[in-house]
Amino acid sequence: MMMQEQQAETQDPFAGSRQPVRIGVVGCGYWGSKHIRVLESLPSVEAVVAIERDDGVRKAVTNRYPRVQGVADLESAFPLVDALVVATPPRSHAPIAHAALRHGKHVLIEKPFATTTADAADLIEEADRQGLTLMVGHTFEYNAAVWQ
């Protein structure tokens, strides 16, 4: 079981892409730090940007992962990334995702996707309008160890 879990963590979902991917993680707390750890280890991820207002948290992440660039705000991150992972408190998911989509970024939102169905519908419509990928994170949904 442990071997399968390790294999699932080391598979690179971006390996078949034509160019390296630059990904920002908004919110570097419990879930955000896990995303950073995995993304930073993938060879096809060219850059990981930690987007975190709290100076101490941001510095802790960039000290632990020297290849990760830290920025304090979303606007500063947009020119540096192709996609965003939103790992912030749920009430901020929709506004952050909307901003990212309007800037042409693909988005993965940690659950809950949104706090209202209206926000969820708006996000889906905006992603469709922009031709972008919009996903929600499902812990262990694709983990080989859980499948067993």
N, C-alpha and C. Protein backbone atom coordinates (compact mmCIF):
# COMPACT_ATOMS: atom_id res chain seq x y z
N MET A 1 0.82 -1.19 0.00
CA MET A 1 0.00 0.00 0.00
C MET A 1 0.87 1.26 0.00
N MET A 2 1.93 1.27 0.79
CA MET A 2 2.81 2.42 0.86
C MET A 2 3.46 2.70 -0.50
N MET A 3 3.87 1.66 -1.21
CA MET A 3 4.50 1.82 -2.51
C MET A 3 3.53 2.49 -3.49
N GLN A 4 2.27 2.06 -3.49
CA GLN A 4 1.29 2.65 -4.39
C GLN A 4 1.08 4.12 -4.06
N GLU A 5 1.05 4.46 -2.78
CA GLU A 5 0.88 5.85 -2.38
C GLU A 5 2.05 6.69 -2.87
N GLN A 6 3.27 6.18 -2.76
CA GLN A 6 4.43 6.91 -3.22
C GLN A 6 4.39 7.08 -4.73
N GLN A 7 3.98 6.05 -5.46
CA GLN A 7 3.88 6.16 -6.91
C GLN A 7 2.87 7.20 -7.30
N ALA A 8 1.74 7.25 -6.61
CA ALA A 8 0.71 8.23 -6.93
C ALA A 8 1.23 9.64 -6.72
N GLU A 9 2.04 9.84 -5.69
CA GLU A 9 2.57 11.17 -5.42
C GLU A 9 3.62 11.59 -6.42
N THR A 10 4.35 10.65 -7.02
CA THR A 10 5.44 11.02 -7.91
C THR A 10 5.03 11.10 -9.38
N GLN A 11 3.84 10.67 -9.72
CA GLN A 11 3.39 10.78 -11.10
C GLN A 11 3.21 12.25 -11.43
N ASP A 12 3.65 12.65 -12.59
CA ASP A 12 3.61 14.04 -12.99
C ASP A 12 2.47 14.25 -14.00
N PRO A 13 1.36 14.85 -13.57
CA PRO A 13 0.23 15.01 -14.48
C PRO A 13 0.50 15.99 -15.62
N PHE A 14 1.55 16.78 -15.52
CA PHE A 14 1.87 17.76 -16.55
C PHE A 14 2.94 17.26 -17.52
N ALA A 15 3.39 16.03 -17.34
CA ALA A 15 4.51 15.50 -18.12
C ALA A 15 4.25 15.53 -19.62
N GLY A 16 3.02 15.40 -20.05
CA GLY A 16 2.71 15.39 -21.48
C GLY A 16 2.46 16.76 -22.07
N SER A 17 2.52 17.81 -21.25
CA SER A 17 2.25 19.14 -21.78
C SER A 17 3.39 19.62 -22.67
N ARG A 18 3.08 20.51 -23.58
CA ARG A 18 4.06 20.98 -24.56
C ARG A 18 5.12 21.89 -23.96
N GLN A 19 4.77 22.57 -22.90
CA GLN A 19 5.72 23.48 -22.28
C GLN A 19 5.60 23.38 -20.77
N PRO A 20 6.65 23.79 -20.06
CA PRO A 20 6.58 23.75 -18.59
C PRO A 20 5.44 24.63 -18.08
N VAL A 21 4.91 24.28 -16.93
CA VAL A 21 3.77 24.97 -16.34
C VAL A 21 4.25 25.80 -15.15
N ARG A 22 3.68 26.99 -15.02
CA ARG A 22 3.98 27.86 -13.87
C ARG A 22 2.69 27.97 -13.05
N ILE A 23 2.77 27.56 -11.79
CA ILE A 23 1.57 27.47 -10.96
C ILE A 23 1.73 28.27 -9.68
N GLY A 24 0.71 29.05 -9.38
CA GLY A 24 0.67 29.80 -8.13
C GLY A 24 -0.25 29.10 -7.15
N VAL A 25 0.09 29.17 -5.89
CA VAL A 25 -0.76 28.63 -4.82
C VAL A 25 -1.15 29.80 -3.93
N VAL A 26 -2.44 30.10 -3.89
CA VAL A 26 -2.94 31.20 -3.08
C VAL A 26 -3.34 30.63 -1.72
N GLY A 27 -2.65 31.09 -0.69
CA GLY A 27 -2.89 30.58 0.65
C GLY A 27 -1.91 29.46 0.96
N CYS A 28 -1.04 29.67 1.90
CA CYS A 28 0.03 28.71 2.18
C CYS A 28 -0.13 28.06 3.54
N GLY A 29 -1.36 27.87 3.96
CA GLY A 29 -1.63 27.18 5.22
C GLY A 29 -1.57 25.68 5.04
N TYR A 30 -2.42 24.96 5.73
CA TYR A 30 -2.39 23.50 5.74
C TYR A 30 -2.45 22.91 4.33
N TRP A 31 -3.52 23.20 3.58
CA TRP A 31 -3.67 22.61 2.24
C TRP A 31 -2.74 23.25 1.23
N GLY A 32 -2.58 24.55 1.29
CA GLY A 32 -1.71 25.22 0.34
C GLY A 32 -0.28 24.71 0.40
N SER A 33 0.21 24.48 1.61
CA SER A 33 1.59 23.99 1.74
C SER A 33 1.74 22.59 1.16
N LYS A 34 0.69 21.79 1.22
CA LYS A 34 0.73 20.45 0.62
C LYS A 34 0.79 20.55 -0.91
N HIS A 35 0.02 21.46 -1.47
CA HIS A 35 0.07 21.67 -2.92
C HIS A 35 1.47 22.14 -3.34
N ILE A 36 2.04 23.06 -2.58
CA ILE A 36 3.38 23.55 -2.91
C ILE A 36 4.39 22.41 -2.87
N ARG A 37 4.33 21.58 -1.85
CA ARG A 37 5.27 20.46 -1.73
C ARG A 37 5.22 19.57 -2.96
N VAL A 38 4.01 19.21 -3.38
CA VAL A 38 3.87 18.30 -4.53
C VAL A 38 4.25 19.01 -5.83
N LEU A 39 3.76 20.21 -6.04
CA LEU A 39 4.06 20.93 -7.29
C LEU A 39 5.55 21.19 -7.45
N GLU A 40 6.20 21.53 -6.35
CA GLU A 40 7.63 21.83 -6.38
C GLU A 40 8.45 20.61 -6.76
N SER A 41 7.91 19.44 -6.52
CA SER A 41 8.65 18.21 -6.81
C SER A 41 8.46 17.70 -8.24
N LEU A 42 7.54 18.28 -8.99
CA LEU A 42 7.24 17.80 -10.35
C LEU A 42 8.18 18.43 -11.37
N PRO A 43 8.88 17.61 -12.15
CA PRO A 43 9.83 18.13 -13.13
C PRO A 43 9.20 19.06 -14.17
N SER A 44 7.96 18.84 -14.54
CA SER A 44 7.36 19.65 -15.58
C SER A 44 6.79 20.96 -15.07
N VAL A 45 6.84 21.18 -13.77
CA VAL A 45 6.41 22.46 -13.22
C VAL A 45 7.63 23.36 -13.17
N GLU A 46 7.63 24.34 -14.04
CA GLU A 46 8.78 25.25 -14.17
C GLU A 46 8.91 26.17 -12.96
N ALA A 47 7.79 26.64 -12.45
CA ALA A 47 7.83 27.58 -11.34
C ALA A 47 6.62 27.39 -10.45
N VAL A 48 6.85 27.55 -9.15
CA VAL A 48 5.77 27.57 -8.17
C VAL A 48 5.87 28.92 -7.46
N VAL A 49 4.74 29.60 -7.37
CA VAL A 49 4.70 30.89 -6.71
C VAL A 49 3.76 30.76 -5.52
N ALA A 50 4.27 31.07 -4.33
CA ALA A 50 3.47 31.06 -3.11
C ALA A 50 2.89 32.45 -2.92
N ILE A 51 1.57 32.53 -2.92
CA ILE A 51 0.88 33.82 -2.79
C ILE A 51 0.26 33.86 -1.40
N GLU A 52 0.85 34.65 -0.53
CA GLU A 52 0.48 34.65 0.88
C GLU A 52 0.72 36.03 1.47
N ARG A 53 -0.32 36.59 2.09
CA ARG A 53 -0.22 37.92 2.71
C ARG A 53 0.67 37.93 3.94
N ASP A 54 0.61 36.86 4.71
CA ASP A 54 1.35 36.80 5.97
C ASP A 54 2.85 36.62 5.68
N ASP A 55 3.64 37.63 6.01
CA ASP A 55 5.08 37.59 5.73
C ASP A 55 5.76 36.38 6.34
N GLY A 56 5.42 36.05 7.58
CA GLY A 56 6.06 34.93 8.26
C GLY A 56 5.77 33.60 7.58
N VAL A 57 4.52 33.39 7.21
CA VAL A 57 4.13 32.15 6.53
C VAL A 57 4.82 32.07 5.17
N ARG A 58 4.79 33.18 4.43
CA ARG A 58 5.40 33.21 3.10
C ARG A 58 6.91 32.92 3.19
N LYS A 59 7.58 33.53 4.14
CA LYS A 59 9.03 33.31 4.31
C LYS A 59 9.32 31.87 4.73
N ALA A 60 8.47 31.30 5.57
CA ALA A 60 8.68 29.91 5.98
C ALA A 60 8.59 28.98 4.77
N VAL A 61 7.65 29.24 3.89
CA VAL A 61 7.49 28.40 2.69
C VAL A 61 8.70 28.56 1.77
N THR A 62 9.12 29.78 1.52
CA THR A 62 10.24 29.98 0.60
C THR A 62 11.57 29.52 1.21
N ASN A 63 11.68 29.52 2.52
CA ASN A 63 12.88 28.96 3.16
C ASN A 63 12.90 27.44 3.01
N ARG A 64 11.73 26.82 3.17
CA ARG A 64 11.66 25.36 3.06
C ARG A 64 11.84 24.90 1.61
N TYR A 65 11.32 25.68 0.67
CA TYR A 65 11.39 25.34 -0.75
C TYR A 65 12.06 26.51 -1.48
N PRO A 66 13.37 26.51 -1.56
CA PRO A 66 14.11 27.64 -2.14
C PRO A 66 13.76 27.98 -3.59
N ARG A 67 13.26 27.01 -4.37
CA ARG A 67 12.88 27.29 -5.77
C ARG A 67 11.53 28.01 -5.85
N VAL A 68 10.79 28.06 -4.76
CA VAL A 68 9.47 28.69 -4.75
C VAL A 68 9.63 30.19 -4.53
N GLN A 69 8.99 30.95 -5.39
CA GLN A 69 9.00 32.41 -5.24
C GLN A 69 7.79 32.81 -4.41
N GLY A 70 7.96 33.75 -3.52
CA GLY A 70 6.85 34.21 -2.69
C GLY A 70 6.45 35.63 -3.06
N VAL A 71 5.14 35.84 -3.14
CA VAL A 71 4.61 37.19 -3.35
C VAL A 71 3.47 37.41 -2.36
N ALA A 72 3.23 38.68 -2.05
CA ALA A 72 2.25 39.01 -1.02
C ALA A 72 0.83 39.17 -1.54
N ASP A 73 0.67 39.38 -2.85
CA ASP A 73 -0.68 39.63 -3.35
C ASP A 73 -0.91 38.98 -4.71
N LEU A 74 -2.16 38.79 -5.00
CA LEU A 74 -2.60 38.10 -6.22
C LEU A 74 -2.17 38.85 -7.48
N GLU A 75 -2.33 40.15 -7.50
CA GLU A 75 -1.99 40.93 -8.70
C GLU A 75 -0.53 40.76 -9.09
N SER A 76 0.35 40.68 -8.10
CA SER A 76 1.78 40.49 -8.38
C SER A 76 2.06 39.12 -8.97
N ALA A 77 1.21 38.16 -8.67
CA ALA A 77 1.42 36.78 -9.12
C ALA A 77 0.95 36.55 -10.55
N PHE A 78 -0.05 37.26 -11.02
CA PHE A 78 -0.63 36.98 -12.33
C PHE A 78 0.38 36.92 -13.47
N PRO A 79 1.35 37.83 -13.57
CA PRO A 79 2.32 37.72 -14.68
C PRO A 79 3.27 36.54 -14.55
N LEU A 80 3.33 35.94 -13.37
CA LEU A 80 4.31 34.88 -13.09
C LEU A 80 3.75 33.47 -13.28
N VAL A 81 2.42 33.33 -13.47
CA VAL A 81 1.81 31.99 -13.46
C VAL A 81 0.87 31.78 -14.64
N ASP A 82 0.66 30.48 -14.93
CA ASP A 82 -0.32 30.07 -15.94
C ASP A 82 -1.61 29.59 -15.30
N ALA A 83 -1.49 29.16 -14.05
CA ALA A 83 -2.64 28.58 -13.34
C ALA A 83 -2.50 28.86 -11.85
N LEU A 84 -3.64 28.76 -11.15
CA LEU A 84 -3.66 28.98 -9.71
C LEU A 84 -4.34 27.84 -8.99
N VAL A 85 -3.85 27.55 -7.81
CA VAL A 85 -4.54 26.70 -6.85
C VAL A 85 -5.03 27.64 -5.76
N VAL A 86 -6.31 27.58 -5.46
CA VAL A 86 -6.89 28.44 -4.42
C VAL A 86 -7.09 27.58 -3.17
N ALA A 87 -6.31 27.89 -2.14
CA ALA A 87 -6.36 27.14 -0.88
C ALA A 87 -6.49 28.13 0.27
N THR A 88 -7.53 28.91 0.21
CA THR A 88 -7.79 29.97 1.18
C THR A 88 -9.10 29.65 1.91
N PRO A 89 -9.51 30.48 2.88
CA PRO A 89 -10.81 30.24 3.51
C PRO A 89 -11.94 30.26 2.46
N PRO A 90 -12.93 29.42 2.64
CA PRO A 90 -13.99 29.26 1.62
C PRO A 90 -14.66 30.54 1.15
N ARG A 91 -14.86 31.49 2.02
CA ARG A 91 -15.55 32.73 1.61
C ARG A 91 -14.77 33.50 0.54
N SER A 92 -13.46 33.23 0.43
CA SER A 92 -12.65 33.96 -0.55
C SER A 92 -12.47 33.18 -1.85
N HIS A 93 -12.94 31.95 -1.93
CA HIS A 93 -12.73 31.13 -3.12
C HIS A 93 -13.26 31.80 -4.39
N ALA A 94 -14.52 32.20 -4.38
CA ALA A 94 -15.13 32.76 -5.59
C ALA A 94 -14.44 34.04 -6.05
N PRO A 95 -14.21 35.03 -5.16
CA PRO A 95 -13.55 36.26 -5.65
C PRO A 95 -12.16 36.01 -6.21
N ILE A 96 -11.38 35.15 -5.57
CA ILE A 96 -10.03 34.86 -6.06
C ILE A 96 -10.09 34.13 -7.40
N ALA A 97 -10.96 33.14 -7.49
CA ALA A 97 -11.08 32.38 -8.74
C ALA A 97 -11.58 33.27 -9.88
N HIS A 98 -12.54 34.15 -9.60
CA HIS A 98 -13.02 35.07 -10.64
C HIS A 98 -11.89 35.95 -11.15
N ALA A 99 -11.10 36.48 -10.23
CA ALA A 99 -9.98 37.34 -10.64
C ALA A 99 -9.00 36.56 -11.51
N ALA A 100 -8.71 35.34 -11.12
CA ALA A 100 -7.77 34.51 -11.89
C ALA A 100 -8.32 34.22 -13.28
N LEU A 101 -9.57 33.86 -13.36
CA LEU A 101 -10.18 33.56 -14.66
C LEU A 101 -10.18 34.80 -15.55
N ARG A 102 -10.49 35.96 -14.98
CA ARG A 102 -10.47 37.21 -15.77
C ARG A 102 -9.07 37.53 -16.28
N HIS A 103 -8.05 37.03 -15.59
CA HIS A 103 -6.66 37.22 -16.03
C HIS A 103 -6.17 36.07 -16.90
N GLY A 104 -7.08 35.19 -17.31
CA GLY A 104 -6.72 34.11 -18.23
C GLY A 104 -5.99 32.94 -17.59
N LYS A 105 -6.21 32.70 -16.31
CA LYS A 105 -5.52 31.62 -15.60
C LYS A 105 -6.46 30.44 -15.36
N HIS A 106 -5.93 29.24 -15.53
CA HIS A 106 -6.66 28.04 -15.16
C HIS A 106 -6.69 27.99 -13.63
N VAL A 107 -7.74 27.36 -13.06
CA VAL A 107 -7.91 27.42 -11.61
C VAL A 107 -8.34 26.07 -11.05
N LEU A 108 -7.67 25.67 -9.97
CA LEU A 108 -8.12 24.56 -9.13
C LEU A 108 -8.47 25.17 -7.78
N ILE A 109 -9.69 24.93 -7.32
CA ILE A 109 -10.15 25.46 -6.03
C ILE A 109 -10.28 24.31 -5.06
N GLU A 110 -9.68 24.46 -3.89
CA GLU A 110 -9.90 23.47 -2.84
C GLU A 110 -11.37 23.52 -2.45
N LYS A 111 -11.88 22.41 -1.94
CA LYS A 111 -13.28 22.40 -1.55
C LYS A 111 -13.49 23.24 -0.30
N PRO A 112 -14.63 23.82 -0.14
CA PRO A 112 -15.74 23.80 -1.09
C PRO A 112 -15.46 24.70 -2.29
N PHE A 113 -15.99 24.30 -3.40
CA PHE A 113 -15.81 25.03 -4.66
C PHE A 113 -16.23 26.49 -4.50
N ALA A 114 -17.39 26.69 -3.90
CA ALA A 114 -17.92 28.03 -3.63
C ALA A 114 -18.87 27.91 -2.44
N THR A 115 -19.22 29.04 -1.86
CA THR A 115 -20.13 29.00 -0.71
C THR A 115 -21.59 29.18 -1.10
N THR A 116 -21.83 29.52 -2.36
CA THR A 116 -23.21 29.61 -2.84
C THR A 116 -23.29 28.98 -4.23
N THR A 117 -24.48 28.52 -4.59
CA THR A 117 -24.65 27.96 -5.93
C THR A 117 -24.54 29.05 -6.99
N ALA A 118 -24.95 30.27 -6.65
CA ALA A 118 -24.83 31.38 -7.60
C ALA A 118 -23.36 31.65 -7.92
N ASP A 119 -22.50 31.66 -6.91
CA ASP A 119 -21.06 31.85 -7.14
C ASP A 119 -20.50 30.71 -7.98
N ALA A 120 -20.91 29.49 -7.68
CA ALA A 120 -20.43 28.33 -8.44
C ALA A 120 -20.82 28.45 -9.91
N ALA A 121 -22.07 28.80 -10.15
CA ALA A 121 -22.55 28.95 -11.53
C ALA A 121 -21.80 30.07 -12.25
N ASP A 122 -21.56 31.19 -11.57
CA ASP A 122 -20.81 32.30 -12.17
C ASP A 122 -19.39 31.88 -12.55
N LEU A 123 -18.74 31.13 -11.67
CA LEU A 123 -17.38 30.67 -11.96
C LEU A 123 -17.36 29.76 -13.18
N ILE A 124 -18.30 28.84 -13.23
CA ILE A 124 -18.37 27.91 -14.37
C ILE A 124 -18.61 28.68 -15.66
N GLU A 125 -19.53 29.64 -15.64
CA GLU A 125 -19.81 30.44 -16.83
C GLU A 125 -18.58 31.23 -17.27
N GLU A 126 -17.85 31.82 -16.30
CA GLU A 126 -16.67 32.60 -16.64
C GLU A 126 -15.57 31.72 -17.24
N ALA A 127 -15.37 30.55 -16.66
CA ALA A 127 -14.36 29.62 -17.20
C ALA A 127 -14.73 29.20 -18.62
N ASP A 128 -16.02 28.92 -18.86
CA ASP A 128 -16.47 28.57 -20.21
C ASP A 128 -16.24 29.72 -21.18
N ARG A 129 -16.59 30.93 -20.75
CA ARG A 129 -16.42 32.12 -21.60
C ARG A 129 -14.95 32.31 -21.98
N GLN A 130 -14.06 32.07 -21.02
CA GLN A 130 -12.63 32.28 -21.24
C GLN A 130 -11.94 31.07 -21.88
N GLY A 131 -12.64 29.93 -21.94
CA GLY A 131 -12.02 28.71 -22.46
C GLY A 131 -10.94 28.17 -21.54
N LEU A 132 -11.16 28.27 -20.23
CA LEU A 132 -10.16 27.85 -19.24
C LEU A 132 -10.64 26.65 -18.45
N THR A 133 -9.69 25.93 -17.86
CA THR A 133 -10.01 24.80 -17.00
C THR A 133 -10.28 25.30 -15.60
N LEU A 134 -11.38 24.84 -15.02
CA LEU A 134 -11.77 25.17 -13.65
C LEU A 134 -12.09 23.86 -12.96
N MET A 135 -11.41 23.59 -11.85
CA MET A 135 -11.58 22.31 -11.15
C MET A 135 -11.75 22.55 -9.66
N VAL A 136 -12.30 21.54 -9.01
CA VAL A 136 -12.35 21.54 -7.55
C VAL A 136 -11.49 20.39 -7.05
N GLY A 137 -10.77 20.64 -5.97
CA GLY A 137 -9.91 19.61 -5.39
C GLY A 137 -10.73 18.60 -4.62
N HIS A 138 -10.49 17.34 -4.85
CA HIS A 138 -11.12 16.25 -4.11
C HIS A 138 -10.02 15.42 -3.49
N THR A 139 -9.84 15.56 -2.19
CA THR A 139 -8.78 14.84 -1.50
C THR A 139 -8.86 13.36 -1.78
N PHE A 140 -7.77 12.80 -2.24
CA PHE A 140 -7.60 11.37 -2.48
C PHE A 140 -8.48 10.80 -3.59
N GLU A 141 -9.19 11.62 -4.33
CA GLU A 141 -10.05 11.11 -5.40
C GLU A 141 -9.26 10.24 -6.38
N TYR A 142 -8.03 10.62 -6.66
CA TYR A 142 -7.23 9.90 -7.64
C TYR A 142 -6.03 9.20 -7.01
N ASN A 143 -6.06 9.00 -5.71
CA ASN A 143 -4.96 8.37 -4.99
C ASN A 143 -5.06 6.86 -5.11
N ALA A 144 -4.02 6.24 -5.67
CA ALA A 144 -4.04 4.79 -5.91
C ALA A 144 -4.21 4.00 -4.62
N ALA A 145 -3.67 4.48 -3.53
CA ALA A 145 -3.81 3.77 -2.25
C ALA A 145 -5.26 3.73 -1.81
N VAL A 146 -5.99 4.82 -2.04
CA VAL A 146 -7.41 4.87 -1.66
C VAL A 146 -8.22 3.95 -2.57
N TRP A 147 -7.84 3.87 -3.85
CA TRP A 147 -8.55 2.99 -4.77
C TRP A 147 -8.51 1.54 -4.30
N GLN A 148 -7.39 1.15 -3.69
CA GLN A 148 -7.24 -0.21 -3.20
C GLN A 148 -8.18 -0.47 -2.07
